Every structure is written in C-alpha cells, then in structure tokens.
C-alpha atoms as a PDB file:
ATOM      1  CA  UNK A   1      79.436 100.315 119.649  1.00  0.00           C
ATOM      2  CA  UNK A   2      82.919  97.660 118.659  1.00  0.00           C
ATOM      3  CA  UNK A   3      86.173  97.919 119.589  1.00  0.00           C
ATOM      4  CA  UNK A   4      87.810  98.620 116.739  1.00  0.00           C
ATOM      5  CA  UNK A   5      91.715  98.361 118.305  1.00  0.00           C
ATOM      6  CA  UNK A   6      93.313  95.551 116.632  1.00  0.00           C
ATOM      7  CA  UNK A   7      95.909  92.687 118.402  1.00  0.00           C
ATOM      8  CA  UNK A   8      98.481  94.787 120.352  1.00  0.00           C
ATOM      9  CA  UNK A   9      96.730  97.580 120.629  1.00  0.00           C
ATOM     10  CA  UNK A  10      97.280  98.650 117.368  1.00  0.00           C
ATOM     11  CA  UNK A  11      94.164 100.643 115.608  1.00  0.00           C
ATOM     12  CA  UNK A  12      95.135 100.669 112.124  1.00  0.00           C
ATOM     13  CA  UNK A  13      93.420  98.369 109.589  1.00  0.00           C
ATOM     14  CA  UNK A  14      94.449  94.692 109.998  1.00  0.00           C
ATOM     15  CA  UNK A  15      95.976  92.863 106.810  1.00  0.00           C
ATOM     16  CA  UNK A  16      96.487  89.679 105.390  1.00  0.00           C
ATOM     17  CA  UNK A  17     100.170  88.780 104.482  1.00  0.00           C
ATOM     18  CA  UNK A  18      99.879  85.754 101.245  1.00  0.00           C
ATOM     19  CA  UNK A  19     102.922  84.191 100.865  1.00  0.00           C
ATOM     20  CA  UNK A  20     104.444  80.488  99.952  1.00  0.00           C
ATOM     21  CA  UNK A  21     108.649  79.525  99.574  1.00  0.00           C
ATOM     22  CA  UNK A  22     110.131  76.390  97.768  1.00  0.00           C
ATOM     23  CA  UNK A  23     113.678  76.394  97.438  1.00  0.00           C
ATOM     24  CA  UNK A  24     114.872  74.157  94.725  1.00  0.00           C
ATOM     25  CA  UNK A  25     118.354  72.814  93.449  1.00  0.00           C
ATOM     26  CA  UNK A  26     119.249  74.293  90.235  1.00  0.00           C
ATOM     27  CA  UNK A  27     118.194  77.399  88.408  1.00  0.00           C
ATOM     28  CA  UNK A  28     114.124  79.030  87.594  1.00  0.00           C
ATOM     29  CA  UNK A  29     113.113  80.918  84.454  1.00  0.00           C
ATOM     30  CA  UNK A  30     113.984  84.048  86.521  1.00  0.00           C
ATOM     31  CA  UNK A  31     111.880  86.092  84.141  1.00  0.00           C
ATOM     32  CA  UNK A  32     108.700  83.786  84.809  1.00  0.00           C
ATOM     33  CA  UNK A  33     106.498  85.755  86.900  1.00  0.00           C
ATOM     34  CA  UNK A  34     102.592  83.731  86.853  1.00  0.00           C
ATOM     35  CA  UNK A  35     100.341  85.342  88.516  1.00  0.00           C
ATOM     36  CA  UNK A  36      98.362  82.152  90.354  1.00  0.00           C
ATOM     37  CA  UNK A  37      94.591  82.639  91.446  1.00  0.00           C
ATOM     38  CA  UNK A  38      93.856  82.972  95.255  1.00  0.00           C
ATOM     39  CA  UNK A  39      90.378  82.696  97.068  1.00  0.00           C
ATOM     40  CA  UNK A  40      90.497  85.638  99.862  1.00  0.00           C
ATOM     41  CA  UNK A  41      89.292  85.152 103.284  1.00  0.00           C
ATOM     42  CA  UNK A  42      85.999  86.745 102.328  1.00  0.00           C
ATOM     43  CA  UNK A  43      85.035  84.462  99.523  1.00  0.00           C
ATOM     44  CA  UNK A  44      86.429  86.961  96.944  1.00  0.00           C
ATOM     45  CA  UNK A  45      89.251  86.085  94.225  1.00  0.00           C
ATOM     46  CA  UNK A  46      92.204  87.758  93.600  1.00  0.00           C
ATOM     47  CA  UNK A  47      95.967  86.607  92.360  1.00  0.00           C
ATOM     48  CA  UNK A  48      99.270  86.928  93.361  1.00  0.00           C
ATOM     49  CA  UNK A  49     102.398  87.048  91.273  1.00  0.00           C
ATOM     50  CA  UNK A  50     105.260  84.051  91.663  1.00  0.00           C
ATOM     51  CA  UNK A  51     108.709  85.740  91.915  1.00  0.00           C
ATOM     52  CA  UNK A  52     111.933  83.338  91.343  1.00  0.00           C
ATOM     53  CA  UNK A  53     115.342  84.908  92.990  1.00  0.00           C
ATOM     54  CA  UNK A  54     118.108  82.505  91.860  1.00  0.00           C
ATOM     55  CA  UNK A  55     121.619  82.428  93.814  1.00  0.00           C
ATOM     56  CA  UNK A  56     123.326  80.532  96.731  1.00  0.00           C
ATOM     57  CA  UNK A  57     121.363  80.131  99.893  1.00  0.00           C
ATOM     58  CA  UNK A  58     122.651  83.313 101.080  1.00  0.00           C
ATOM     59  CA  UNK A  59     122.165  85.836  97.828  1.00  0.00           C
ATOM     60  CA  UNK A  60     118.811  84.445  97.882  1.00  0.00           C
ATOM     61  CA  UNK A  61     118.110  85.016 101.492  1.00  0.00           C
ATOM     62  CA  UNK A  62     119.593  88.802 100.810  1.00  0.00           C
ATOM     63  CA  UNK A  63     117.659  89.517  97.693  1.00  0.00           C
ATOM     64  CA  UNK A  64     114.189  88.357  99.619  1.00  0.00           C
ATOM     65  CA  UNK A  65     114.789  90.407 102.544  1.00  0.00           C
ATOM     66  CA  UNK A  66     115.652  93.578 100.159  1.00  0.00           C
ATOM     67  CA  UNK A  67     112.256  92.324  97.887  1.00  0.00           C
ATOM     68  CA  UNK A  68     110.205  92.376 101.884  1.00  0.00           C
ATOM     69  CA  UNK A  69     111.721  95.952 102.691  1.00  0.00           C
ATOM     70  CA  UNK A  70     110.465  97.233  98.935  1.00  0.00           C
ATOM     71  CA  UNK A  71     107.328  95.893  99.439  1.00  0.00           C
ATOM     72  CA  UNK A  72     106.307  97.575 102.894  1.00  0.00           C
ATOM     73  CA  UNK A  73     108.160 100.950 102.046  1.00  0.00           C
ATOM     74  CA  UNK A  74     105.562 100.985  99.114  1.00  0.00           C
ATOM     75  CA  UNK A  75     103.037 100.151 100.965  1.00  0.00           C
ATOM     76  CA  UNK A  76     103.545 102.228 103.729  1.00  0.00           C
ATOM     77  CA  UNK A  77     103.762 105.212 101.293  1.00  0.00           C
ATOM     78  CA  UNK A  78      99.865 103.994 100.576  1.00  0.00           C
END
C-alpha cells in the first residue's frame, strides 16, 4: 500500500501554484488579461491569465495580497 500522506503530514491532495511577477516603471493596460499557454508537469497543456496591477509599490503589494487571499478563499469553497 502506498503512503498517501503529503509533506508535513497533510493528507489533502497536493497542488502546484504557478505564478510569475515583474515590476516595471510606468503603467500598463489594466484591462488587458491575456491567457498564456503552459505545459503542466504531467505533459498536458493548460492556460493561465496574466493580471496587471498599477500603482505605487505599496498599492500594488496591498492589491496583490488581497488577490491572493481571494484566490485561496475561492479554492477553499471547492
């Protein structure tokens, strides 16, 4: 029998979070949310949406942290 316990004694299904960040001077088109193709670890393909947040570094950080919290709240409900 295979041990299904994930690292740190967690028995929930493990997930992989895919992300990337880049901070550029100036502003970007906040309404642009392009979908980018990705290759998943099992060889299948998927897509991720790139989000743009404009503001000062402090404003960007605050909005990013709010988005991360919201993201995990959504997944906690599924």
